[in-house]
């Protein structure tokens, strides 16, 4: 019988394989040459897919998005993966690529904000009062807490910071089931493989199988900000117009409908 560690790696591996296939992290270079290629945080998928469809209808151009954890995308950019636009789920990973001189600094801006929430499968969704010292470990019981890997997934980093600030990280850490993206963590809860998970508010809105049971206090973690920028190596003449569209009032509803805050 496989150990829990083997089981969770297998589950996440399956989720990852499906996610990568759906996201198209390795688009054919010939077919994508005339398209705007966007590396975007996994939590943006539903909103950005809708915005991209609207941009295509308006401009006659096409944007192809590759979704993954911000850290994984930043490393791909560092390793010269071809892309035109980067949208990170936190400031640190954008700072990382900026420090490597991999973005056009004058195009960088803060696009969106988000909230950190605790989710459970819908049939087990009882409200939780998230406050200093609350007994999350007791709620989890013998199960696991699904969350992004803090070293590469911003939602996981925010989650660890919040739990630490609330004084319960040490009791919860042994029960953490780390996933390679926030959507992979969400899937573990939706499929009933973890009773609770820490994700963004927007992720919870995208999965009918889960419900928000509590929202983390805003002062328990740094503000959740999604910066956007053109990449230094982009030669696509449409990339700048695409970036402007995402920052426009026309695109704002696609993000707010999913629960994002549009930053001006």
Protein backbone atom coordinates (compact mmCIF):
# COMPACT_ATOMS: atom_id res chain seq x y z
CA UNK A 1 0.00 0.00 0.00
CA UNK A 2 1.47 3.41 -0.93
CA UNK A 3 2.41 5.83 1.83
CA UNK A 4 0.57 9.16 2.12
CA UNK A 5 3.61 10.96 0.70
CA UNK A 6 3.60 8.65 -2.33
CA UNK A 7 -0.15 9.07 -2.71
CA UNK A 8 -0.08 12.88 -2.56
CA UNK A 9 2.80 13.04 -5.05
CA UNK A 10 0.84 10.77 -7.38
CA UNK A 11 -2.31 12.86 -7.05
CA UNK A 12 -0.49 16.11 -7.63
CA UNK A 13 1.40 14.58 -10.52
CA UNK A 14 -1.85 13.60 -12.22
CA UNK A 15 -3.32 17.05 -11.62
CA UNK A 16 -0.13 18.66 -12.89
CA UNK A 17 -0.10 16.57 -16.06
CA UNK A 18 -3.70 17.46 -16.84
CA UNK A 19 -3.08 21.11 -16.00
CA UNK A 20 -0.01 21.42 -18.19
CA UNK A 21 -1.76 19.71 -21.08
CA UNK A 22 -4.71 22.08 -20.77
CA UNK A 23 -2.58 25.17 -20.31
CA UNK A 24 -0.25 24.47 -23.17
CA UNK A 25 3.01 25.27 -21.39
CA UNK A 26 4.98 24.24 -24.47
CA UNK A 27 3.12 25.69 -27.46
CA UNK A 28 4.38 24.89 -30.91
CA UNK A 29 6.79 27.72 -31.70
CA UNK A 30 5.75 27.98 -35.33
CA UNK A 31 2.01 28.27 -34.64
CA UNK A 32 2.56 30.66 -31.70
CA UNK A 33 5.01 32.95 -33.49
CA UNK A 34 2.38 35.52 -34.47
CA UNK A 35 0.45 35.32 -31.17
CA UNK A 36 1.01 37.15 -27.91
CA UNK A 37 2.34 34.57 -25.45
CA UNK A 38 1.40 35.21 -21.83
CA UNK A 39 2.92 33.53 -18.78
CA UNK A 40 0.27 33.95 -16.08
CA UNK A 41 -0.28 32.79 -12.50
CA UNK A 42 -2.57 29.75 -12.33
CA UNK A 43 -5.21 31.62 -10.35
CA UNK A 44 -5.84 33.90 -13.34
CA UNK A 45 -7.04 31.20 -15.72
CA UNK A 46 -10.81 31.78 -15.84
CA UNK A 47 -10.64 35.58 -15.87
CA UNK A 48 -7.75 35.79 -18.32
CA UNK A 49 -9.25 33.25 -20.70
CA UNK A 50 -12.35 35.45 -20.90
CA UNK A 51 -10.29 38.63 -21.34
CA UNK A 52 -8.21 36.99 -24.07
CA UNK A 53 -11.32 35.95 -25.97
CA UNK A 54 -12.61 39.52 -25.81
CA UNK A 55 -9.29 40.91 -27.01
CA UNK A 56 -9.25 38.49 -29.93
CA UNK A 57 -12.76 39.55 -30.91
CA UNK A 58 -11.89 43.24 -30.68
CA UNK A 59 -8.43 43.22 -32.26
CA UNK A 60 -8.43 40.17 -34.51
CA UNK A 61 -5.25 39.11 -32.72
CA UNK A 62 -4.72 36.11 -30.45
CA UNK A 63 -3.17 35.72 -27.01
CA UNK A 64 -2.01 32.29 -25.82
CA UNK A 65 -1.73 31.89 -22.06
CA UNK A 66 0.43 29.39 -20.19
CA UNK A 67 -0.68 28.97 -16.57
CA UNK A 68 1.41 27.71 -13.66
CA UNK A 69 2.79 28.80 -10.32
CA UNK A 70 4.46 32.21 -10.52
CA UNK A 71 7.77 30.79 -9.35
CA UNK A 72 7.76 28.10 -12.01
CA UNK A 73 6.99 30.67 -14.69
CA UNK A 74 9.72 33.01 -13.45
CA UNK A 75 12.24 30.19 -13.70
CA UNK A 76 11.07 29.39 -17.24
CA UNK A 77 11.54 33.04 -18.18
CA UNK A 78 15.01 32.96 -16.64
CA UNK A 79 15.76 29.90 -18.78
CA UNK A 80 14.80 31.82 -21.94
CA UNK A 81 11.34 30.38 -22.50
CA UNK A 82 9.71 32.45 -25.25
CA UNK A 83 7.00 34.74 -23.92
CA UNK A 84 5.81 38.32 -24.30
CA UNK A 85 3.97 39.11 -21.07
CA UNK A 86 4.36 37.96 -17.46
CA UNK A 87 1.61 38.27 -14.84
CA UNK A 88 2.75 37.13 -11.41
CA UNK A 89 0.57 36.42 -8.37
CA UNK A 90 2.94 38.34 -6.12
CA UNK A 91 5.50 41.11 -6.24
CA UNK A 92 8.50 38.98 -5.28
CA UNK A 93 8.55 36.83 -8.41
CA UNK A 94 8.17 39.88 -10.62
CA UNK A 95 11.01 41.45 -8.65
CA UNK A 96 13.01 38.30 -9.32
CA UNK A 97 12.73 38.52 -13.11
CA UNK A 98 13.20 42.29 -12.98
CA UNK A 99 16.42 41.76 -11.06
CA UNK A 100 17.61 39.53 -13.88
CA UNK A 101 16.84 42.34 -16.39
CA UNK A 102 14.19 40.14 -18.01
CA UNK A 103 11.32 42.66 -18.14
CA UNK A 104 10.85 46.08 -19.67
CA UNK A 105 10.77 48.08 -16.45
CA UNK A 106 8.75 50.97 -17.83
CA UNK A 107 5.85 48.61 -18.67
CA UNK A 108 5.51 47.18 -15.18
CA UNK A 109 2.41 47.98 -13.12
CA UNK A 110 0.20 46.44 -10.45
CA UNK A 111 -2.85 44.99 -12.21
CA UNK A 112 -4.98 43.14 -9.65
CA UNK A 113 -5.58 42.36 -6.01
CA UNK A 114 -7.01 39.22 -4.37
CA UNK A 115 -7.99 37.71 -1.01
CA UNK A 116 -6.81 34.59 0.80
CA UNK A 117 -9.50 32.16 1.92
CA UNK A 118 -10.01 28.78 3.55
CA UNK A 119 -12.12 26.37 1.48
CA UNK A 120 -13.78 23.02 2.08
CA UNK A 121 -15.73 20.62 -0.09
CA UNK A 122 -19.29 21.93 -0.45
CA UNK A 123 -20.82 19.06 1.51
CA UNK A 124 -18.55 19.88 4.47
CA UNK A 125 -18.68 23.67 4.31
CA UNK A 126 -19.25 24.95 7.84
CA UNK A 127 -18.20 28.54 8.63
CA UNK A 128 -14.83 28.96 10.34
CA UNK A 129 -13.90 31.99 12.44
CA UNK A 130 -10.34 32.66 11.32
CA UNK A 131 -8.67 34.52 14.17
CA UNK A 132 -5.61 34.43 16.39
CA UNK A 133 -4.96 30.90 17.64
CA UNK A 134 -8.02 29.25 16.03
CA UNK A 135 -7.86 25.44 16.05
CA UNK A 136 -7.32 24.68 12.36
CA UNK A 137 -5.35 21.55 13.24
CA UNK A 138 -8.36 20.23 15.13
CA UNK A 139 -10.65 20.98 12.21
CA UNK A 140 -8.35 19.10 9.83
CA UNK A 141 -8.23 16.09 12.16
CA UNK A 142 -6.50 13.16 10.46
CA UNK A 143 -6.76 14.82 7.05
CA UNK A 144 -4.46 17.25 5.30
CA UNK A 145 -4.45 20.95 4.52
CA UNK A 146 -4.02 21.54 0.78
CA UNK A 147 -1.93 24.58 -0.08
CA UNK A 148 0.60 25.72 -2.62
CA UNK A 149 4.28 25.00 -2.10
CA UNK A 150 5.42 28.17 -0.26
CA UNK A 151 8.78 28.27 -2.05
CA UNK A 152 7.25 28.63 -5.51
CA UNK A 153 3.51 29.28 -5.16
CA UNK A 154 2.55 32.73 -3.86
CA UNK A 155 -0.76 31.50 -2.40
CA UNK A 156 1.23 28.97 -0.38
CA UNK A 157 3.64 31.64 0.80
CA UNK A 158 0.77 33.92 1.82
CA UNK A 159 -0.90 30.98 3.55
CA UNK A 160 2.17 30.07 5.57
CA UNK A 161 2.69 33.71 6.54
CA UNK A 162 -0.94 34.06 7.64
CA UNK A 163 -0.91 30.87 9.71
CA UNK A 164 2.34 31.92 11.33
CA UNK A 165 0.95 35.37 12.14
CA UNK A 166 -2.12 33.74 13.67
CA UNK A 167 0.12 31.55 15.82
CA UNK A 168 -0.91 28.16 14.42
CA UNK A 169 1.64 27.34 11.73
CA UNK A 170 3.62 24.92 13.90
CA UNK A 171 0.52 22.87 14.69
CA UNK A 172 -0.65 22.83 11.06
CA UNK A 173 2.66 22.37 9.22
CA UNK A 174 2.83 18.55 9.69
CA UNK A 175 -0.58 18.27 8.04
CA UNK A 176 0.21 20.45 5.02
CA UNK A 177 -0.13 18.82 1.60
CA UNK A 178 1.88 20.99 -0.77
CA UNK A 179 0.77 21.36 -4.38
CA UNK A 180 2.68 22.88 -7.28
CA UNK A 181 0.01 25.48 -8.04
CA UNK A 182 -2.95 27.02 -6.24
CA UNK A 183 -5.33 25.31 -8.67
CA UNK A 184 -3.76 21.94 -7.88
CA UNK A 185 -4.38 22.61 -4.18
CA UNK A 186 -7.96 23.58 -4.99
CA UNK A 187 -8.46 20.33 -6.90
CA UNK A 188 -7.39 18.25 -3.89
CA UNK A 189 -10.20 19.81 -1.86
CA UNK A 190 -12.76 19.64 -4.66
CA UNK A 191 -12.03 15.94 -5.13
CA UNK A 192 -12.36 15.25 -1.41
CA UNK A 193 -8.71 14.30 -0.97
CA UNK A 194 -8.10 17.06 1.59
CA UNK A 195 -10.81 18.43 3.92
CA UNK A 196 -9.53 22.01 3.80
CA UNK A 197 -7.36 24.13 1.55
CA UNK A 198 -5.90 27.63 1.39
CA UNK A 199 -6.49 29.32 -1.95
CA UNK A 200 -7.44 32.70 -3.37
CA UNK A 201 -11.03 33.91 -3.27
CA UNK A 202 -11.05 33.85 -7.07
CA UNK A 203 -10.07 30.17 -7.19
CA UNK A 204 -12.94 29.23 -4.93
CA UNK A 205 -15.32 31.07 -7.26
CA UNK A 206 -14.06 28.99 -10.18
CA UNK A 207 -14.83 25.57 -8.66
CA UNK A 208 -18.40 24.59 -7.86
CA UNK A 209 -17.15 21.68 -5.77
CA UNK A 210 -15.80 23.89 -2.98
CA UNK A 211 -17.09 26.67 -0.76
CA UNK A 212 -15.36 29.42 1.17
CA UNK A 213 -15.63 28.77 4.91
CA UNK A 214 -13.50 31.68 6.08
CA UNK A 215 -11.43 34.63 4.91
CA UNK A 216 -8.00 35.34 6.35
CA UNK A 217 -7.64 38.77 7.99
CA UNK A 218 -5.99 41.24 5.63
CA UNK A 219 -3.36 42.07 8.24
CA UNK A 220 -2.27 38.42 8.57
CA UNK A 221 -0.30 38.51 5.31
CA UNK A 222 1.13 41.06 2.85
CA UNK A 223 -1.28 42.53 0.31
CA UNK A 224 -1.94 40.10 -2.55
CA UNK A 225 -0.92 41.99 -5.68
CA UNK A 226 -0.61 40.77 -9.28
CA UNK A 227 1.98 42.79 -11.23
CA UNK A 228 2.18 42.69 -15.03
CA UNK A 229 5.01 43.56 -17.44
CA UNK A 230 6.30 43.01 -20.94
CA UNK A 231 9.33 40.74 -21.14
CA UNK A 232 12.61 42.23 -22.31
CA UNK A 233 13.07 39.73 -25.13
CA UNK A 234 9.58 40.19 -26.60
CA UNK A 235 9.62 41.27 -30.23
CA UNK A 236 5.87 40.91 -30.77
CA UNK A 237 4.45 44.23 -32.02
CA UNK A 238 1.02 43.37 -30.57
CA UNK A 239 2.21 42.74 -27.01
CA UNK A 240 2.05 46.37 -25.92
CA UNK A 241 -1.52 46.79 -27.20
CA UNK A 242 -2.50 43.57 -25.42
CA UNK A 243 -1.03 44.80 -22.14
CA UNK A 244 -2.92 48.10 -22.52
CA UNK A 245 -6.14 46.18 -23.12
CA UNK A 246 -5.72 44.18 -19.89
CA UNK A 247 -5.28 47.43 -17.99
CA UNK A 248 -8.31 49.08 -19.61
CA UNK A 249 -11.87 49.49 -18.40
CA UNK A 250 -12.94 47.05 -21.13
CA UNK A 251 -11.06 44.19 -19.48
CA UNK A 252 -11.87 45.08 -15.87
CA UNK A 253 -15.22 43.22 -15.70
CA UNK A 254 -13.61 39.92 -16.63
CA UNK A 255 -11.47 40.19 -13.50
CA UNK A 256 -14.00 41.66 -11.09
CA UNK A 257 -16.58 39.01 -12.02
CA UNK A 258 -14.13 36.39 -10.74
CA UNK A 259 -13.54 38.29 -7.49
CA UNK A 260 -10.34 40.18 -8.30
CA UNK A 261 -9.86 43.81 -7.32
CA UNK A 262 -8.70 45.96 -10.23
CA UNK A 263 -5.84 48.23 -9.16
CA UNK A 264 -5.52 51.64 -10.77
